[in-house]
Amino acid sequence: MRILILPGKREAEKRFSGKAEELVREMGMKPDEVIVLRKGKPIPIDECVSDDDEITLLRVSSGG
């Protein structure tokens, strides 16, 4: 699986099959801090992803 982490354009290759939420946690992030994109389109955090997917983890920030 190819993973792009934005902002910062960090890239990673990882073997993974499971829920997007588990992938986010394995990458050291919290599920409420990112939007998961598959091939550029947002997917639910509980959707399954697999090795042949191209995933983008878009970090979001909030606050004032």
C-alpha atoms as a PDB file:
ATOM      1  CA  MET A   1       0.000   0.000   0.000  1.00  0.00           C
ATOM      2  CA  ARG A   2       1.222   3.470  -0.851  1.00  0.00           C
ATOM      3  CA  ILE A   3       0.452   6.073   1.815  1.00  0.00           C
ATOM      4  CA  LEU A   4       0.812   9.830   1.393  1.00  0.00           C
ATOM      5  CA  ILE A   5       0.625  11.991   4.521  1.00  0.00           C
ATOM      6  CA  LEU A   6      -0.350  15.638   4.063  1.00  0.00           C
ATOM      7  CA  PRO A   7       0.583  18.333   4.762  1.00  0.00           C
ATOM      8  CA  GLY A   8       4.270  17.671   4.393  1.00  0.00           C
ATOM      9  CA  LYS A   9       4.090  15.208   1.505  1.00  0.00           C
ATOM     10  CA  ARG A  10       5.571  12.346   3.528  1.00  0.00           C
ATOM     11  CA  GLU A  11       5.286   9.013   1.724  1.00  0.00           C
ATOM     12  CA  ALA A  12       5.342   5.480   3.079  1.00  0.00           C
ATOM     13  CA  GLU A  13       4.930   1.945   1.773  1.00  0.00           C
ATOM     14  CA  LYS A  14       3.183  -0.500   4.087  1.00  0.00           C
ATOM     15  CA  ARG A  15       1.629  -3.939   3.922  1.00  0.00           C
ATOM     16  CA  PHE A  16      -1.786  -3.609   5.510  1.00  0.00           C
ATOM     17  CA  SER A  17      -5.291  -4.988   5.235  1.00  0.00           C
ATOM     18  CA  GLY A  18      -7.998  -3.870   7.648  1.00  0.00           C
ATOM     19  CA  LYS A  19     -10.041  -0.868   8.719  1.00  0.00           C
ATOM     20  CA  ALA A  20      -8.790   2.608   7.858  1.00  0.00           C
ATOM     21  CA  GLU A  21      -8.966   3.470  11.574  1.00  0.00           C
ATOM     22  CA  GLU A  22      -6.437   0.727  12.377  1.00  0.00           C
ATOM     23  CA  LEU A  23      -4.112   2.011   9.647  1.00  0.00           C
ATOM     24  CA  VAL A  24      -4.314   5.548  11.037  1.00  0.00           C
ATOM     25  CA  ARG A  25      -3.392   4.276  14.517  1.00  0.00           C
ATOM     26  CA  GLU A  26      -0.500   2.189  13.133  1.00  0.00           C
ATOM     27  CA  MET A  27       0.820   5.338  11.459  1.00  0.00           C
ATOM     28  CA  GLY A  28       0.909   7.030  14.889  1.00  0.00           C
ATOM     29  CA  MET A  29      -2.089   9.311  14.400  1.00  0.00           C
ATOM     30  CA  LYS A  30      -5.512   9.617  15.987  1.00  0.00           C
ATOM     31  CA  PRO A  31      -8.575   8.918  13.824  1.00  0.00           C
ATOM     32  CA  ASP A  32     -10.146  12.277  14.725  1.00  0.00           C
ATOM     33  CA  GLU A  33      -7.039  14.110  13.429  1.00  0.00           C
ATOM     34  CA  VAL A  34      -7.179  12.897   9.821  1.00  0.00           C
ATOM     35  CA  ILE A  35      -9.384  12.486   6.791  1.00  0.00           C
ATOM     36  CA  VAL A  36      -8.674   9.235   4.964  1.00  0.00           C
ATOM     37  CA  LEU A  37      -8.730   9.411   1.167  1.00  0.00           C
ATOM     38  CA  ARG A  38      -8.610   6.463  -1.218  1.00  0.00           C
ATOM     39  CA  LYS A  39      -7.607   7.481  -4.750  1.00  0.00           C
ATOM     40  CA  GLY A  40      -8.407  11.089  -3.822  1.00  0.00           C
ATOM     41  CA  LYS A  41     -11.910  10.469  -2.439  1.00  0.00           C
ATOM     42  CA  PRO A  42     -12.835  10.521   1.276  1.00  0.00           C
ATOM     43  CA  ILE A  43     -13.818   7.219   2.853  1.00  0.00           C
ATOM     44  CA  PRO A  44     -15.380   6.414   6.248  1.00  0.00           C
ATOM     45  CA  ILE A  45     -12.873   5.648   9.006  1.00  0.00           C
ATOM     46  CA  ASP A  46     -14.454   2.198   9.487  1.00  0.00           C
ATOM     47  CA  GLU A  47     -14.084   1.193   5.824  1.00  0.00           C
ATOM     48  CA  CYS A  48     -11.626  -1.579   4.938  1.00  0.00           C
ATOM     49  CA  VAL A  49      -8.474  -0.808   2.970  1.00  0.00           C
ATOM     50  CA  SER A  50      -5.974  -3.241   1.477  1.00  0.00           C
ATOM     51  CA  ASP A  51      -2.463  -3.532   0.048  1.00  0.00           C
ATOM     52  CA  ASP A  52      -3.461  -2.493  -3.472  1.00  0.00           C
ATOM     53  CA  ASP A  53      -4.995   0.835  -2.324  1.00  0.00           C
ATOM     54  CA  GLU A  54      -3.428   4.280  -2.633  1.00  0.00           C
ATOM     55  CA  ILE A  55      -4.233   6.068   0.625  1.00  0.00           C
ATOM     56  CA  THR A  56      -3.806   9.710   1.604  1.00  0.00           C
ATOM     57  CA  LEU A  57      -3.946  10.711   5.255  1.00  0.00           C
ATOM     58  CA  LEU A  58      -4.866  14.387   5.381  1.00  0.00           C
ATOM     59  CA  ARG A  59      -4.141  15.905   8.779  1.00  0.00           C
ATOM     60  CA  VAL A  60      -6.761  18.402   9.867  1.00  0.00           C
ATOM     61  CA  SER A  61      -6.513  20.995  12.583  1.00  0.00           C
ATOM     62  CA  SER A  62      -9.146  22.807  14.544  1.00  0.00           C
ATOM     63  CA  GLY A  63      -9.332  25.244  17.353  1.00  0.00           C
ATOM     64  CA  GLY A  64      -9.168  28.936  17.762  1.00  0.00           C
END
